[in-house]
Structure formats: C-alpha cells, structure tokens
Amino acid sequence: MSTKAPADGEQGSPADGHEASPHGAHGYSDHRDDYLARLRRIEGQVRGLQRMVNEDSYCIDILTQVSAVTRALQSVALGLLEDHLGHCVAHAAAEGGPVADEKLREASAAIARLVRS
C-alpha cells in the first residue's frame, strides 16, 4: 500500500489508503512518514512496558519508561498541533468567516486538551 498522501486538492481513496477528508488536505500530510515512524517507535516502547510489567520489573524502571512514552506522545501531539495551526487554521483564517471561527475553536479546544494532559 502506498504511503504517499494525495496532493493538495486531490481526493484520497480507500484503495490508496487515504480516505477523502471532509476537512480537505491535512497539515501533517507532508510529514506523514515521520509521524508514522515516530508512532511505530512509541508502539515499540509501549510493548516494552508490557514486557516489563509481565516480567515484574522494578516499579521505578517502569515509571521511567512511562515518562519517556508520555514525552514522545506529547512531542507528536505538539508537532501535529503546529502543522494544524500552520496549515488548516492559517488557510481558514485567510478565508475568514464561520470556517475560520470554527477552526480557531477547534484549535483552542485541542490546545486546552494538551495542556490538561
């Protein structure tokens, strides 16, 4: 399956692994492969955590790894947020109107969720 995202303005299809989004092209599309690699690395770290718990590893060692996974996920989240602000929100703001207002509300809510996590 191809990991290449459709170009701006192109619609994805289930056959190419990219569903058409009701929101248009995503801001992270140019960095998709990087995000996927980082998420696979995090997935491996989580599997390592499961193994540590299964093997009755020392609590502090497990907590140290939980902290590393949490930081890695936060880094991905911040990158996605930056891409969203630089692409989706910036485009909507340039157009103005209710779409811009909605994108700003979405971004504000996403930032609030990240701050609370």
N, C-alpha and C. Protein backbone atom coordinates (compact mmCIF):
# COMPACT_ATOMS: atom_id res chain seq x y z
N MET A 1 0.85 -1.18 0.00
CA MET A 1 0.00 0.00 0.00
C MET A 1 0.89 1.23 0.00
N SER A 2 0.51 2.21 -0.75
CA SER A 2 1.26 3.46 -0.86
C SER A 2 1.10 4.28 0.41
N THR A 3 2.17 4.96 0.83
CA THR A 3 2.06 5.87 1.98
C THR A 3 2.09 7.31 1.52
N LYS A 4 2.09 7.52 0.19
CA LYS A 4 2.11 8.88 -0.33
C LYS A 4 0.72 9.49 -0.21
N ALA A 5 0.65 10.64 0.37
CA ALA A 5 -0.63 11.33 0.55
C ALA A 5 -1.04 11.99 -0.76
N PRO A 6 -2.35 12.15 -0.97
CA PRO A 6 -2.79 12.88 -2.15
C PRO A 6 -2.27 14.32 -2.08
N ALA A 7 -1.97 14.89 -3.24
CA ALA A 7 -1.52 16.28 -3.29
C ALA A 7 -2.67 17.19 -2.89
N ASP A 8 -2.34 18.42 -2.50
CA ASP A 8 -3.38 19.39 -2.15
C ASP A 8 -4.41 19.46 -3.27
N GLY A 9 -5.67 19.41 -2.88
CA GLY A 9 -6.75 19.49 -3.85
C GLY A 9 -7.17 18.14 -4.40
N GLU A 10 -6.33 17.10 -4.24
CA GLU A 10 -6.69 15.77 -4.71
C GLU A 10 -7.46 15.04 -3.63
N GLN A 11 -8.35 14.17 -4.04
CA GLN A 11 -9.11 13.35 -3.11
C GLN A 11 -8.40 12.03 -2.93
N GLY A 12 -8.33 11.54 -1.71
CA GLY A 12 -7.79 10.21 -1.46
C GLY A 12 -8.89 9.19 -1.69
N SER A 13 -8.49 7.94 -1.77
CA SER A 13 -9.48 6.88 -1.92
C SER A 13 -9.11 5.74 -1.00
N PRO A 14 -10.09 4.90 -0.64
CA PRO A 14 -9.77 3.76 0.21
C PRO A 14 -8.72 2.86 -0.42
N ALA A 15 -8.68 2.79 -1.75
CA ALA A 15 -7.72 1.92 -2.43
C ALA A 15 -6.28 2.36 -2.19
N ASP A 16 -6.04 3.68 -2.07
CA ASP A 16 -4.67 4.13 -1.85
C ASP A 16 -4.36 4.33 -0.37
N GLY A 17 -5.32 3.96 0.50
CA GLY A 17 -5.10 4.05 1.94
C GLY A 17 -5.36 5.41 2.52
N HIS A 18 -5.89 6.34 1.73
CA HIS A 18 -6.16 7.69 2.20
C HIS A 18 -7.59 8.06 1.89
N GLU A 19 -8.42 7.99 2.90
CA GLU A 19 -9.82 8.38 2.74
C GLU A 19 -9.89 9.88 2.46
N ALA A 20 -10.86 10.27 1.65
CA ALA A 20 -11.09 11.70 1.43
C ALA A 20 -11.57 12.30 2.75
N SER A 21 -11.00 13.41 3.13
CA SER A 21 -11.37 14.06 4.39
C SER A 21 -12.37 15.16 4.13
N PRO A 22 -13.38 15.27 5.00
CA PRO A 22 -14.32 16.39 4.84
C PRO A 22 -13.65 17.72 5.15
N HIS A 23 -12.45 17.69 5.72
CA HIS A 23 -11.72 18.91 6.09
C HIS A 23 -10.69 19.31 5.04
N GLY A 24 -10.59 18.56 3.94
CA GLY A 24 -9.57 18.85 2.94
C GLY A 24 -8.25 18.21 3.32
N ALA A 25 -7.16 18.63 2.68
CA ALA A 25 -5.84 18.08 2.96
C ALA A 25 -5.45 18.41 4.40
N HIS A 26 -4.75 17.48 5.03
CA HIS A 26 -4.33 17.68 6.41
C HIS A 26 -2.97 18.36 6.46
N GLY A 27 -2.76 19.17 7.48
CA GLY A 27 -1.50 19.88 7.64
C GLY A 27 -0.32 18.95 7.85
N TYR A 28 -0.56 17.76 8.39
CA TYR A 28 0.53 16.84 8.67
C TYR A 28 0.91 15.98 7.46
N SER A 29 0.19 16.10 6.35
CA SER A 29 0.41 15.23 5.20
C SER A 29 1.85 15.22 4.72
N ASP A 30 2.52 16.37 4.74
CA ASP A 30 3.91 16.43 4.30
C ASP A 30 4.85 15.68 5.24
N HIS A 31 4.41 15.43 6.47
CA HIS A 31 5.25 14.77 7.47
C HIS A 31 4.70 13.40 7.86
N ARG A 32 3.78 12.87 7.07
CA ARG A 32 3.11 11.61 7.41
C ARG A 32 4.10 10.50 7.74
N ASP A 33 5.10 10.29 6.90
CA ASP A 33 6.05 9.20 7.13
C ASP A 33 6.81 9.38 8.44
N ASP A 34 7.18 10.62 8.75
CA ASP A 34 7.88 10.90 10.01
C ASP A 34 6.98 10.58 11.20
N TYR A 35 5.72 11.03 11.13
CA TYR A 35 4.80 10.75 12.23
C TYR A 35 4.57 9.25 12.39
N LEU A 36 4.42 8.54 11.28
CA LEU A 36 4.21 7.10 11.37
C LEU A 36 5.42 6.40 11.98
N ALA A 37 6.62 6.82 11.59
CA ALA A 37 7.84 6.22 12.16
C ALA A 37 7.91 6.49 13.66
N ARG A 38 7.60 7.71 14.06
CA ARG A 38 7.63 8.04 15.49
C ARG A 38 6.58 7.25 16.26
N LEU A 39 5.39 7.11 15.68
CA LEU A 39 4.33 6.35 16.35
C LEU A 39 4.68 4.86 16.44
N ARG A 40 5.34 4.32 15.41
CA ARG A 40 5.78 2.92 15.49
C ARG A 40 6.82 2.74 16.59
N ARG A 41 7.72 3.74 16.73
CA ARG A 41 8.72 3.69 17.80
C ARG A 41 8.03 3.71 19.17
N ILE A 42 7.03 4.57 19.31
CA ILE A 42 6.27 4.65 20.56
C ILE A 42 5.55 3.34 20.82
N GLU A 43 4.99 2.76 19.77
CA GLU A 43 4.31 1.47 19.90
C GLU A 43 5.28 0.42 20.45
N GLY A 44 6.51 0.44 19.96
CA GLY A 44 7.53 -0.48 20.47
C GLY A 44 7.85 -0.22 21.93
N GLN A 45 7.88 1.06 22.31
CA GLN A 45 8.13 1.40 23.72
C GLN A 45 6.99 0.88 24.60
N VAL A 46 5.76 0.99 24.13
CA VAL A 46 4.61 0.51 24.91
C VAL A 46 4.67 -1.01 25.04
N ARG A 47 5.07 -1.69 23.98
CA ARG A 47 5.24 -3.15 24.07
C ARG A 47 6.31 -3.49 25.10
N GLY A 48 7.38 -2.67 25.13
CA GLY A 48 8.42 -2.87 26.13
C GLY A 48 7.88 -2.69 27.53
N LEU A 49 6.99 -1.72 27.72
CA LEU A 49 6.34 -1.53 29.03
C LEU A 49 5.53 -2.76 29.43
N GLN A 50 4.79 -3.30 28.48
CA GLN A 50 4.01 -4.51 28.77
C GLN A 50 4.93 -5.64 29.20
N ARG A 51 6.04 -5.78 28.49
CA ARG A 51 7.01 -6.83 28.82
C ARG A 51 7.57 -6.61 30.23
N MET A 52 7.90 -5.34 30.55
CA MET A 52 8.44 -5.03 31.87
C MET A 52 7.45 -5.41 32.98
N VAL A 53 6.18 -5.08 32.78
CA VAL A 53 5.16 -5.42 33.78
C VAL A 53 5.03 -6.94 33.87
N ASN A 54 5.00 -7.60 32.73
CA ASN A 54 4.88 -9.06 32.70
C ASN A 54 6.05 -9.73 33.42
N GLU A 55 7.22 -9.12 33.33
CA GLU A 55 8.43 -9.69 33.95
C GLU A 55 8.66 -9.18 35.36
N ASP A 56 7.66 -8.47 35.93
CA ASP A 56 7.76 -7.94 37.29
C ASP A 56 8.98 -7.05 37.48
N SER A 57 9.23 -6.17 36.53
CA SER A 57 10.35 -5.22 36.64
C SER A 57 10.11 -4.25 37.78
N TYR A 58 11.17 -3.60 38.20
CA TYR A 58 11.13 -2.64 39.30
C TYR A 58 10.22 -1.47 38.92
N CYS A 59 9.37 -1.05 39.86
CA CYS A 59 8.36 -0.01 39.62
C CYS A 59 8.96 1.27 39.04
N ILE A 60 10.06 1.72 39.61
CA ILE A 60 10.67 2.97 39.16
C ILE A 60 11.16 2.85 37.73
N ASP A 61 11.68 1.69 37.35
CA ASP A 61 12.11 1.48 35.97
C ASP A 61 10.92 1.57 35.01
N ILE A 62 9.80 1.00 35.41
CA ILE A 62 8.59 1.07 34.58
C ILE A 62 8.11 2.51 34.48
N LEU A 63 8.08 3.21 35.61
CA LEU A 63 7.63 4.60 35.61
C LEU A 63 8.53 5.48 34.75
N THR A 64 9.82 5.20 34.75
CA THR A 64 10.75 5.95 33.90
C THR A 64 10.40 5.76 32.43
N GLN A 65 10.07 4.53 32.06
CA GLN A 65 9.70 4.26 30.67
C GLN A 65 8.33 4.86 30.33
N VAL A 66 7.40 4.86 31.28
CA VAL A 66 6.10 5.51 31.06
C VAL A 66 6.32 6.99 30.78
N SER A 67 7.21 7.60 31.53
CA SER A 67 7.51 9.02 31.33
C SER A 67 8.09 9.26 29.94
N ALA A 68 8.96 8.38 29.48
CA ALA A 68 9.55 8.52 28.14
C ALA A 68 8.48 8.40 27.06
N VAL A 69 7.56 7.45 27.21
CA VAL A 69 6.47 7.28 26.24
C VAL A 69 5.57 8.51 26.24
N THR A 70 5.28 9.01 27.42
CA THR A 70 4.42 10.19 27.54
C THR A 70 5.06 11.39 26.84
N ARG A 71 6.35 11.59 27.06
CA ARG A 71 7.05 12.70 26.39
C ARG A 71 7.05 12.52 24.88
N ALA A 72 7.24 11.29 24.42
CA ALA A 72 7.24 11.03 22.98
C ALA A 72 5.88 11.33 22.37
N LEU A 73 4.81 10.93 23.05
CA LEU A 73 3.46 11.22 22.55
C LEU A 73 3.18 12.72 22.57
N GLN A 74 3.64 13.40 23.61
CA GLN A 74 3.46 14.86 23.66
C GLN A 74 4.20 15.54 22.51
N SER A 75 5.36 15.03 22.17
CA SER A 75 6.12 15.59 21.06
C SER A 75 5.36 15.42 19.74
N VAL A 76 4.77 14.25 19.53
CA VAL A 76 3.96 14.02 18.33
C VAL A 76 2.76 14.97 18.34
N ALA A 77 2.11 15.09 19.49
CA ALA A 77 0.93 15.97 19.59
C ALA A 77 1.30 17.41 19.28
N LEU A 78 2.41 17.89 19.80
CA LEU A 78 2.83 19.27 19.53
C LEU A 78 3.16 19.47 18.05
N GLY A 79 3.78 18.48 17.44
CA GLY A 79 4.06 18.57 16.00
C GLY A 79 2.79 18.63 15.18
N LEU A 80 1.82 17.78 15.54
CA LEU A 80 0.53 17.80 14.83
C LEU A 80 -0.17 19.13 15.03
N LEU A 81 -0.11 19.65 16.24
CA LEU A 81 -0.74 20.95 16.52
C LEU A 81 -0.07 22.05 15.69
N GLU A 82 1.25 22.04 15.65
CA GLU A 82 1.97 23.04 14.85
C GLU A 82 1.58 22.95 13.38
N ASP A 83 1.52 21.72 12.85
CA ASP A 83 1.11 21.53 11.46
C ASP A 83 -0.32 22.01 11.24
N HIS A 84 -1.20 21.72 12.19
CA HIS A 84 -2.60 22.13 12.07
C HIS A 84 -2.72 23.66 12.06
N LEU A 85 -2.01 24.31 12.97
CA LEU A 85 -2.06 25.77 13.03
C LEU A 85 -1.48 26.39 11.76
N GLY A 86 -0.37 25.85 11.30
CA GLY A 86 0.31 26.41 10.13
C GLY A 86 -0.39 26.15 8.82
N HIS A 87 -1.23 25.13 8.78
CA HIS A 87 -1.89 24.77 7.53
C HIS A 87 -3.39 25.03 7.62
N CYS A 88 -4.08 24.23 8.39
CA CYS A 88 -5.54 24.28 8.44
C CYS A 88 -6.06 25.61 8.98
N VAL A 89 -5.54 26.01 10.13
CA VAL A 89 -6.03 27.24 10.76
C VAL A 89 -5.61 28.46 9.95
N ALA A 90 -4.37 28.47 9.46
CA ALA A 90 -3.90 29.61 8.67
C ALA A 90 -4.73 29.78 7.39
N HIS A 91 -5.03 28.65 6.70
CA HIS A 91 -5.85 28.74 5.49
C HIS A 91 -7.25 29.24 5.81
N ALA A 92 -7.83 28.72 6.87
CA ALA A 92 -9.19 29.15 7.25
C ALA A 92 -9.20 30.62 7.65
N ALA A 93 -8.17 31.05 8.38
CA ALA A 93 -8.11 32.46 8.80
C ALA A 93 -7.99 33.38 7.59
N ALA A 94 -7.25 32.94 6.57
CA ALA A 94 -7.11 33.76 5.37
C ALA A 94 -8.45 33.92 4.65
N GLU A 95 -9.28 32.85 4.71
CA GLU A 95 -10.60 32.91 4.08
C GLU A 95 -11.59 33.69 4.93
N GLY A 96 -11.43 33.63 6.24
CA GLY A 96 -12.32 34.33 7.16
C GLY A 96 -13.67 33.65 7.28
N GLY A 97 -14.58 34.31 7.95
CA GLY A 97 -15.95 33.82 8.09
C GLY A 97 -16.10 32.72 9.11
N PRO A 98 -17.23 32.00 9.04
CA PRO A 98 -17.55 30.98 10.04
C PRO A 98 -16.57 29.81 10.04
N VAL A 99 -15.98 29.49 8.88
CA VAL A 99 -15.00 28.39 8.83
C VAL A 99 -13.79 28.76 9.68
N ALA A 100 -13.33 29.99 9.58
CA ALA A 100 -12.19 30.44 10.38
C ALA A 100 -12.53 30.39 11.87
N ASP A 101 -13.72 30.83 12.21
CA ASP A 101 -14.15 30.80 13.61
C ASP A 101 -14.16 29.37 14.14
N GLU A 102 -14.66 28.44 13.34
CA GLU A 102 -14.72 27.03 13.76
C GLU A 102 -13.32 26.46 13.92
N LYS A 103 -12.42 26.73 12.98
CA LYS A 103 -11.04 26.23 13.08
C LYS A 103 -10.34 26.79 14.32
N LEU A 104 -10.58 28.04 14.64
CA LEU A 104 -9.99 28.62 15.84
C LEU A 104 -10.55 27.97 17.10
N ARG A 105 -11.86 27.69 17.12
CA ARG A 105 -12.46 26.99 18.27
C ARG A 105 -11.87 25.59 18.42
N GLU A 106 -11.73 24.88 17.29
CA GLU A 106 -11.14 23.54 17.32
C GLU A 106 -9.71 23.58 17.86
N ALA A 107 -8.92 24.53 17.36
CA ALA A 107 -7.53 24.64 17.80
C ALA A 107 -7.45 24.99 19.27
N SER A 108 -8.30 25.89 19.72
CA SER A 108 -8.32 26.27 21.13
C SER A 108 -8.67 25.08 22.01
N ALA A 109 -9.66 24.30 21.60
CA ALA A 109 -10.05 23.11 22.37
C ALA A 109 -8.92 22.08 22.38
N ALA A 110 -8.24 21.91 21.26
CA ALA A 110 -7.13 20.95 21.19
C ALA A 110 -5.99 21.39 22.11
N ILE A 111 -5.68 22.67 22.11
CA ILE A 111 -4.63 23.19 22.99
C ILE A 111 -5.02 22.98 24.45
N ALA A 112 -6.28 23.23 24.78
CA ALA A 112 -6.75 23.03 26.16
C ALA A 112 -6.60 21.57 26.57
N ARG A 113 -6.93 20.63 25.66
CA ARG A 113 -6.78 19.20 25.98
C ARG A 113 -5.31 18.85 26.21
N LEU A 114 -4.42 19.41 25.39
CA LEU A 114 -3.00 19.12 25.56
C LEU A 114 -2.46 19.69 26.86
N VAL A 115 -2.91 20.87 27.23
CA VAL A 115 -2.44 21.49 28.47
C VAL A 115 -2.91 20.68 29.67
N ARG A 116 -4.12 20.15 29.60
CA ARG A 116 -4.66 19.37 30.73
C ARG A 116 -4.04 17.98 30.82
N SER A 117 -3.46 17.49 29.74
CA SER A 117 -2.92 16.12 29.77
C SER A 117 -1.56 16.05 30.42
